[in-house]
Amino acid sequence: MSGTWTDDSDHDEAVRQAERAERFAWRAIGGVSALLVLVAVAVAVALLVAGVALAYALTVVTD
C-alpha cells in the first residue's frame, strides 16, 4: 500500500443525501398515515351519525 490519502467526500455527501431522503420518506409515511387515520375516524363518525339517524327515523315512523 502506498499510503496515499483517499478522498471520501463524495461518499460522505452521498450518505448525507441518503439520510435526508430517508428522513423525508419517514415524514411522508407519517403524514399519510395520520391522514388515513383522520379519514377512518371521519368515516366512523359518519356511520355512527347515520346509524343514530336511522334508529331515530325508525322510532318516529313506528309511533
C-alpha atoms as a PDB file:
ATOM      1  CA  MET A   1       0.000   0.000   0.000  1.00  0.00           C
ATOM      2  CA  SER A   2       1.422   3.350  -0.970  1.00  0.00           C
ATOM      3  CA  GLY A   3      -0.037   5.283   1.955  1.00  0.00           C
ATOM      4  CA  THR A   4      -1.922   7.749  -0.238  1.00  0.00           C
ATOM      5  CA  TRP A   5      -4.930   9.547   1.153  1.00  0.00           C
ATOM      6  CA  THR A   6      -8.263   8.666  -0.402  1.00  0.00           C
ATOM      7  CA  ASP A   7     -10.858  11.401  -0.673  1.00  0.00           C
ATOM      8  CA  ASP A   8     -14.144  10.167   0.800  1.00  0.00           C
ATOM      9  CA  SER A   9     -16.008  13.465   0.419  1.00  0.00           C
ATOM     10  CA  ASP A  10     -18.180  12.136  -2.421  1.00  0.00           C
ATOM     11  CA  HIS A  11     -19.126   9.117  -0.336  1.00  0.00           C
ATOM     12  CA  ASP A  12     -19.843  11.252   2.718  1.00  0.00           C
ATOM     13  CA  GLU A  13     -22.060  13.583   0.676  1.00  0.00           C
ATOM     14  CA  ALA A  14     -23.940  10.594  -0.778  1.00  0.00           C
ATOM     15  CA  VAL A  15     -24.506   9.248   2.742  1.00  0.00           C
ATOM     16  CA  ARG A  16     -25.835  12.645   3.898  1.00  0.00           C
ATOM     17  CA  GLN A  17     -28.181  12.837   0.904  1.00  0.00           C
ATOM     18  CA  ALA A  18     -29.431   9.312   1.574  1.00  0.00           C
ATOM     19  CA  GLU A  19     -30.073  10.177   5.228  1.00  0.00           C
ATOM     20  CA  ARG A  20     -32.006  13.306   4.228  1.00  0.00           C
ATOM     21  CA  ALA A  21     -34.052  11.283   1.744  1.00  0.00           C
ATOM     22  CA  GLU A  22     -34.789   8.679   4.400  1.00  0.00           C
ATOM     23  CA  ARG A  23     -35.924  11.327   6.913  1.00  0.00           C
ATOM     24  CA  PHE A  24     -38.185  12.870   4.254  1.00  0.00           C
ATOM     25  CA  ALA A  25     -39.625   9.458   3.387  1.00  0.00           C
ATOM     26  CA  TRP A  26     -40.406   8.677   7.037  1.00  0.00           C
ATOM     27  CA  ARG A  27     -42.083  12.077   7.439  1.00  0.00           C
ATOM     28  CA  ALA A  28     -44.145  11.429   4.303  1.00  0.00           C
ATOM     29  CA  ILE A  29     -45.148   7.987   5.590  1.00  0.00           C
ATOM     30  CA  GLY A  30     -46.132   9.525   8.921  1.00  0.00           C
ATOM     31  CA  GLY A  31     -48.164  12.249   7.239  1.00  0.00           C
ATOM     32  CA  VAL A  32     -50.030   9.830   5.003  1.00  0.00           C
ATOM     33  CA  SER A  33     -50.679   7.522   7.952  1.00  0.00           C
ATOM     34  CA  ALA A  34     -52.076  10.395  10.006  1.00  0.00           C
ATOM     35  CA  LEU A  35     -54.286  11.418   7.098  1.00  0.00           C
ATOM     36  CA  LEU A  36     -55.603   7.870   6.758  1.00  0.00           C
ATOM     37  CA  VAL A  37     -56.378   7.750  10.487  1.00  0.00           C
ATOM     38  CA  LEU A  38     -58.288  11.033  10.215  1.00  0.00           C
ATOM     39  CA  VAL A  39     -60.269   9.707   7.255  1.00  0.00           C
ATOM     40  CA  ALA A  40     -61.053   6.488   9.143  1.00  0.00           C
ATOM     41  CA  VAL A  41     -62.247   8.461  12.169  1.00  0.00           C
ATOM     42  CA  ALA A  42     -64.396  10.699   9.948  1.00  0.00           C
ATOM     43  CA  VAL A  43     -65.967   7.659   8.276  1.00  0.00           C
ATOM     44  CA  ALA A  44     -66.631   6.033  11.653  1.00  0.00           C
ATOM     45  CA  VAL A  45     -68.300   9.197  12.948  1.00  0.00           C
ATOM     46  CA  ALA A  46     -70.378   9.499   9.771  1.00  0.00           C
ATOM     47  CA  LEU A  47     -71.518   5.883  10.101  1.00  0.00           C
ATOM     48  CA  LEU A  48     -72.387   6.424  13.750  1.00  0.00           C
ATOM     49  CA  VAL A  49     -74.421   9.535  12.929  1.00  0.00           C
ATOM     50  CA  ALA A  50     -76.164   7.710  10.080  1.00  0.00           C
ATOM     51  CA  GLY A  51     -76.984   4.796  12.397  1.00  0.00           C
ATOM     52  CA  VAL A  52     -78.404   7.103  15.060  1.00  0.00           C
ATOM     53  CA  ALA A  53     -80.429   8.985  12.443  1.00  0.00           C
ATOM     54  CA  LEU A  54     -81.771   5.716  11.051  1.00  0.00           C
ATOM     55  CA  ALA A  55     -82.695   4.462  14.514  1.00  0.00           C
ATOM     56  CA  TYR A  56     -84.452   7.742  15.258  1.00  0.00           C
ATOM     57  CA  ALA A  57     -86.284   7.651  11.929  1.00  0.00           C
ATOM     58  CA  LEU A  58     -87.454   4.100  12.574  1.00  0.00           C
ATOM     59  CA  THR A  59     -88.791   5.017  16.020  1.00  0.00           C
ATOM     60  CA  VAL A  60     -90.638   8.032  14.609  1.00  0.00           C
ATOM     61  CA  VAL A  61     -92.174   6.019  11.762  1.00  0.00           C
ATOM     62  CA  THR A  62     -93.336   3.199  14.029  1.00  0.00           C
ATOM     63  CA  ASP A  63     -95.003   5.568  16.515  1.00  0.00           C
END
